[in-house]
């Protein structure tokens, strides 16, 4: 197995965890600027990690 594929899978899992954590924070949102910024940061990082992980897994070819 290729190390790039493992890294891509790890990035994908981290992205999913970040998105789930952002969803949990959003569900428990009580207001305030700090809480909204936190949800946005985790959601954006989750999307970036998820997209880069999926892209890395799809573009790496097995030999």
Protein backbone atom coordinates (compact mmCIF):
# COMPACT_ATOMS: atom_id res chain seq x y z
CA UNK A 1 0.00 0.00 0.00
CA UNK A 2 1.22 3.43 -0.90
CA UNK A 3 2.08 5.92 1.85
CA UNK A 4 0.25 8.68 -0.03
CA UNK A 5 -2.93 6.63 0.02
CA UNK A 6 -2.61 6.12 3.78
CA UNK A 7 -2.05 9.85 4.26
CA UNK A 8 -5.08 10.59 2.08
CA UNK A 9 -7.24 8.26 4.14
CA UNK A 10 -5.98 9.90 7.33
CA UNK A 11 -6.81 13.36 5.98
CA UNK A 12 -10.27 12.15 4.99
CA UNK A 13 -10.95 10.77 8.46
CA UNK A 14 -9.69 13.99 10.08
CA UNK A 15 -11.99 15.98 7.80
CA UNK A 16 -14.99 13.87 8.75
CA UNK A 17 -14.17 14.26 12.44
CA UNK A 18 -13.83 18.02 12.01
CA UNK A 19 -17.18 18.26 10.24
CA UNK A 20 -18.92 16.15 12.88
CA UNK A 21 -17.39 18.26 15.66
CA UNK A 22 -18.56 21.44 13.93
CA UNK A 23 -22.06 19.98 13.63
CA UNK A 24 -22.11 19.11 17.35
CA UNK A 25 -20.94 22.61 18.24
CA UNK A 26 -23.58 24.10 15.96
CA UNK A 27 -26.31 21.99 17.57
CA UNK A 28 -25.26 23.18 21.03
CA UNK A 29 -24.82 26.81 19.95
CA UNK A 30 -25.93 29.20 22.65
CA UNK A 31 -24.97 32.40 20.86
CA UNK A 32 -22.05 34.71 21.08
CA UNK A 33 -19.40 35.64 18.58
CA UNK A 34 -16.78 33.26 19.96
CA UNK A 35 -18.99 30.19 19.47
CA UNK A 36 -19.91 31.13 15.91
CA UNK A 37 -16.26 31.67 14.97
CA UNK A 38 -15.36 28.30 16.45
CA UNK A 39 -18.03 26.51 14.41
CA UNK A 40 -16.90 28.25 11.21
CA UNK A 41 -13.23 27.42 11.82
CA UNK A 42 -13.87 23.72 12.47
CA UNK A 43 -16.24 23.46 9.50
CA UNK A 44 -13.79 25.10 7.08
CA UNK A 45 -10.87 22.98 8.29
CA UNK A 46 -13.02 19.85 8.06
CA UNK A 47 -14.00 20.62 4.47
CA UNK A 48 -10.40 21.36 3.48
CA UNK A 49 -9.06 18.15 5.06
CA UNK A 50 -11.89 16.06 3.63
CA UNK A 51 -11.52 17.43 0.10
CA UNK A 52 -7.73 17.11 0.07
CA UNK A 53 -7.90 13.57 1.45
CA UNK A 54 -10.43 12.42 -1.12
CA UNK A 55 -8.43 14.08 -3.89
CA UNK A 56 -5.21 12.43 -2.75
CA UNK A 57 -6.81 8.99 -2.57
CA UNK A 58 -8.37 9.36 -6.03
CA UNK A 59 -5.26 10.64 -7.82
CA UNK A 60 -2.71 8.16 -6.44
CA UNK A 61 -2.48 5.09 -8.64
CA UNK A 62 -1.65 1.63 -7.31
CA UNK A 63 1.32 -0.05 -8.87
